[in-house]
Protein backbone atom coordinates (compact mmCIF):
# COMPACT_ATOMS: atom_id res chain seq x y z
CA ILE A 1 -32.39 12.57 42.84
CA LYS A 2 -33.14 9.46 41.73
CA ALA A 3 -35.84 10.55 39.26
CA ILE A 4 -38.09 13.45 37.48
CA VAL A 5 -41.75 13.36 37.13
CA ILE A 6 -42.80 16.34 34.72
CA LYS A 7 -47.13 17.32 35.32
CA SER A 8 -49.38 20.16 34.27
CA ASN A 9 -50.32 22.33 37.05
CA ILE A 10 -53.29 22.64 35.82
CA SER A 11 -56.42 20.65 34.51
CA LYS A 12 -57.20 21.18 30.97
CA ALA A 13 -54.04 21.04 29.48
CA PHE A 14 -50.04 19.79 30.04
CA CYS A 15 -48.60 22.13 27.62
CA ALA A 16 -49.63 23.49 24.49
CA GLY A 17 -48.96 26.95 22.26
CA GLY A 18 -46.82 28.86 25.34
CA ASP A 19 -43.74 28.80 23.26
CA ILE A 20 -45.30 30.36 19.21
CA ASN A 21 -47.46 32.42 22.42
CA GLU A 22 -43.93 34.13 23.35
CA ILE A 23 -42.11 34.12 20.52
CA TYR A 24 -45.01 35.76 18.59
CA HIS A 25 -44.67 39.30 20.98
CA LEU A 26 -40.77 39.07 21.58
CA GLY A 27 -40.60 39.20 17.24
CA LYS A 28 -42.48 42.05 17.03
CA GLN A 29 -40.60 43.39 20.56
CA ALA A 30 -37.40 42.00 20.58
CA PRO A 31 -36.31 39.86 17.88
CA LYS A 32 -33.00 38.86 19.44
CA LYS A 33 -34.84 37.63 22.80
CA ALA A 34 -37.09 35.62 20.02
CA LEU A 35 -33.58 33.50 18.93
CA ALA A 36 -32.58 33.23 22.42
CA PHE A 37 -36.09 31.62 23.84
CA PHE A 38 -35.64 29.21 20.85
CA HIS A 39 -32.12 28.52 21.71
CA ASP A 40 -32.79 27.89 25.22
CA GLU A 41 -36.11 25.71 24.73
CA TYR A 42 -34.16 23.36 21.88
CA THR A 43 -31.46 23.40 24.69
CA LEU A 44 -33.73 22.15 27.35
CA ILE A 45 -35.50 19.64 25.16
CA TYR A 46 -31.43 18.23 23.98
CA LYS A 47 -31.05 17.59 27.72
CA ILE A 48 -34.15 16.26 28.52
CA HIS A 49 -33.05 13.44 25.92
CA LYS A 50 -29.83 12.69 27.05
CA LEU A 51 -30.51 12.67 30.38
CA SER A 52 -29.44 9.15 32.53
CA LYS A 53 -31.80 9.79 35.05
CA PRO A 54 -35.46 7.79 34.21
CA PHE A 55 -37.99 10.57 33.07
CA ILE A 56 -41.73 10.23 33.22
CA ALA A 57 -43.58 12.55 31.29
CA ILE A 58 -47.48 12.15 32.97
CA ILE A 59 -49.47 13.85 30.00
CA ASP A 60 -52.87 14.70 30.88
CA GLY A 61 -54.89 16.94 29.00
CA ILE A 62 -54.11 19.04 25.65
CA ALA A 63 -50.39 18.26 24.93
CA MET A 64 -48.98 19.56 21.36
CA GLY A 65 -45.85 21.86 20.01
CA GLY A 66 -43.70 22.43 22.57
CA GLY A 67 -45.04 20.12 24.81
CA LEU A 68 -44.42 16.92 23.54
CA GLY A 69 -40.51 17.95 22.97
CA LEU A 70 -41.00 18.26 26.80
CA SER A 71 -42.55 14.64 26.92
CA LEU A 72 -41.58 12.18 24.44
CA TYR A 73 -37.68 12.50 25.06
CA ALA A 74 -39.32 11.34 28.62
CA SER A 75 -37.91 7.29 29.42
CA HIS A 76 -41.41 7.33 30.57
CA VAL A 77 -44.13 8.94 28.72
CA ILE A 78 -47.49 8.13 30.57
CA GLY A 79 -51.15 9.59 28.31
CA THR A 80 -54.60 9.86 30.11
CA GLU A 81 -58.30 9.70 29.19
CA LYS A 82 -57.13 13.65 28.45
CA LEU A 83 -54.89 13.98 26.32
CA LYS A 84 -55.82 15.50 23.04
CA MET A 85 -52.33 15.56 21.21
CA ALA A 86 -51.41 16.79 17.97
CA MET A 87 -48.52 18.68 16.07
CA PRO A 88 -50.01 22.14 14.43
CA GLU A 89 -47.28 23.84 13.23
CA THR A 90 -47.64 23.60 9.81
CA ASN A 91 -51.22 25.09 9.84
CA ILE A 92 -49.52 28.36 10.65
CA GLY A 93 -47.21 28.04 8.32
CA PHE A 94 -44.21 26.14 10.65
CA PHE A 95 -42.23 22.87 10.93
CA PRO A 96 -42.66 20.44 13.27
CA ASP A 97 -40.03 21.51 15.58
CA VAL A 98 -39.02 20.87 18.86
CA GLY A 99 -37.58 17.30 17.54
CA GLY A 100 -40.76 16.62 16.09
CA SER A 101 -38.72 15.26 12.81
CA TYR A 102 -37.31 12.94 15.13
CA PHE A 103 -39.72 11.53 17.09
CA LEU A 104 -42.40 11.52 14.84
CA ASN A 105 -40.47 9.56 12.09
CA LYS A 106 -40.11 6.55 14.89
CA ALA A 107 -44.39 7.01 14.93
CA ARG A 108 -45.63 3.34 13.35
CA GLY A 109 -45.99 3.11 9.35
CA GLY A 110 -46.66 7.05 7.46
CA PHE A 111 -48.59 8.30 10.94
CA GLY A 112 -45.94 10.45 12.38
CA LEU A 113 -45.90 12.25 8.50
CA TYR A 114 -49.40 12.09 8.51
CA MET A 115 -49.39 14.04 11.64
CA ALA A 116 -46.71 16.20 10.42
CA LEU A 117 -48.42 17.72 7.90
CA THR A 118 -52.06 17.77 9.12
CA GLY A 119 -51.76 18.48 12.74
CA GLN A 120 -54.14 16.13 13.18
CA VAL A 121 -55.77 15.81 17.14
CA ILE A 122 -55.47 12.05 18.62
CA ASN A 123 -56.22 10.75 22.24
CA ALA A 124 -53.37 8.30 24.29
CA HIS A 125 -54.77 5.14 22.75
CA GLU A 126 -54.39 5.85 19.48
CA ALA A 127 -50.67 7.50 20.31
CA ARG A 128 -49.83 4.56 21.98
CA TYR A 129 -51.34 1.99 19.32
CA TYR A 130 -48.61 4.33 16.51
CA GLY A 131 -45.70 4.51 19.08
CA LEU A 132 -46.00 7.78 20.71
CA ILE A 133 -46.68 7.23 24.02
CA ASP A 134 -45.57 4.66 26.31
CA HIS A 135 -48.70 3.28 29.06
CA ASN A 136 -52.31 4.85 29.28
CA ILE A 137 -53.81 5.48 33.15
CA ASP A 138 -57.04 7.09 34.18
CA SER A 139 -56.13 10.66 35.07
CA CYS A 140 -57.67 10.21 38.28
CA ASP A 141 -54.88 8.05 39.55
CA THR A 142 -52.01 10.35 38.40
CA ASP A 143 -51.60 11.36 42.43
CA ALA A 144 -51.72 8.22 43.80
CA LEU A 145 -48.86 6.99 41.03
CA ILE A 146 -47.05 9.51 41.65
CA ALA A 147 -47.10 9.17 45.06
CA LYS A 148 -45.97 5.14 44.61
CA LEU A 149 -43.10 7.15 42.84
CA LYS A 150 -42.10 9.12 45.58
CA ASP A 151 -41.43 6.33 48.39
CA ALA A 152 -40.12 3.80 45.53
CA ASP A 153 -37.26 2.29 46.46
CA LEU A 154 -34.88 2.95 42.81
CA THR A 155 -31.51 2.28 44.18
CA GLN A 156 -31.27 -0.74 41.68
CA ASP A 157 -32.64 -0.99 38.59
CA LYS A 158 -34.53 2.21 38.35
CA ILE A 159 -36.28 2.13 34.93
CA ALA A 160 -37.32 -1.55 35.84
CA SER A 161 -38.31 -0.58 38.87
CA ILE A 162 -40.65 2.44 37.23
CA ASN A 163 -42.28 -0.11 34.77
CA ALA A 164 -43.80 -2.33 38.17
CA ILE A 165 -44.87 0.72 39.70
CA ILE A 166 -47.19 2.19 36.25
CA LYS A 167 -47.98 -1.29 35.86
CA PRO A 168 -50.66 -1.56 37.87
CA PHE A 169 -52.34 1.41 36.67
CA ASP A 170 -51.73 1.72 32.82
CA LYS A 171 -54.89 0.76 30.88
CA PRO A 172 -55.50 -1.82 28.44
CA SER A 173 -55.24 -0.83 24.58
CA VAL A 174 -58.91 0.26 22.92
CA SER A 175 -59.03 -0.85 19.28
CA ILE A 176 -58.24 1.77 15.97
CA ASP A 177 -59.37 2.40 13.45
CA LEU A 178 -57.59 0.05 10.92
CA ALA A 179 -59.18 0.97 7.72
CA LEU A 180 -57.67 5.26 8.18
CA GLU A 181 -54.17 3.41 9.29
CA LYS A 182 -54.48 1.86 5.69
CA LEU A 183 -54.89 4.69 3.68
CA ILE A 184 -52.45 6.73 5.82
CA ASN A 185 -49.84 4.18 5.26
CA GLU A 186 -50.86 4.42 1.42
CA TYR A 187 -50.57 7.87 0.99
CA PHE A 188 -48.09 8.95 3.19
CA ILE A 189 -45.40 5.88 3.09
CA TYR A 190 -45.05 5.03 -0.19
CA THR A 191 -45.81 8.53 -2.19
CA PRO A 192 -42.74 10.31 -2.85
CA SER A 193 -43.58 13.85 -2.53
CA VAL A 194 -45.60 16.13 -0.75
CA LYS A 195 -46.53 17.56 -4.02
CA SER A 196 -47.59 14.20 -4.67
CA ILE A 197 -49.61 13.28 -1.86
CA ILE A 198 -51.29 16.49 -2.26
CA ALA A 199 -52.16 15.31 -5.87
CA PHE A 200 -53.89 11.95 -4.83
CA LEU A 201 -55.47 13.40 -1.52
CA GLU A 202 -57.27 15.85 -3.86
CA THR A 203 -58.38 13.10 -6.79
CA ASP A 204 -58.80 10.43 -5.06
CA LYS A 205 -61.95 10.17 -2.74
CA HIS A 206 -60.45 9.69 0.39
CA ARG A 207 -58.84 12.87 0.46
CA GLY A 208 -61.48 14.12 3.58
CA ILE A 209 -58.19 12.04 5.32
C-alpha cells in the first residue's frame, strides 16, 4: 500500500453526525460502550494524523464534526463544490472535539475560533482560503482522480507525485467576503475572552456575524 484515499460511499455527505448519534444511544443504554466509542474514534484520528503514508481525503458533500477529524489530518485534503463544512458541536453544548482545537487553530486569522463558537457552515472556497483544505475539484472528477491515483507510480517522491496528479483537476480559487474576514479578525483575535466576544457582538451593529 503506497497511499490511502478516503471518500464517502453516498452522494449527499462525506461524514456528519454519525458519532454523535451513536453516542446518544449508547449513553442511554451502555455508558461504558459510549466511552469506548470515543476512545476508538480519537485513536483512529490520531493514527491518521501520524500516518507515514500519503492519505488523501476527498470531501464531497456535507462534512461536520467527526467527518473533519477523519479528513483534515490527511496529507492532501480535497473539497468539491458540494462541500458544506462546519464544527457545530457547540450548538448542542459540546466542545469542538475530534482534534478541532488543533486544526481550527491552524486556520487563517480568527476564523478557527469563529467556526468553533458559532458552528458556521462554509463552502470549499472558504475552507481553502482559510487554510482548512488544500484543493478544490469538481465532484464529477472524483472518480477520474482516484483512477489516476491508482495507476500512479508512487515509488519515489509520493507527496510530489500526488500533488502533480491533483493539479490538473484543481479549480482556481474565487473571492470571499473580505469585509466579513475583517470583522471576524476584529472580534475573534483581539478580544480577550469568549465573554467579551459575546458582549461586543451583542452591543455592536455587526452582532449578526
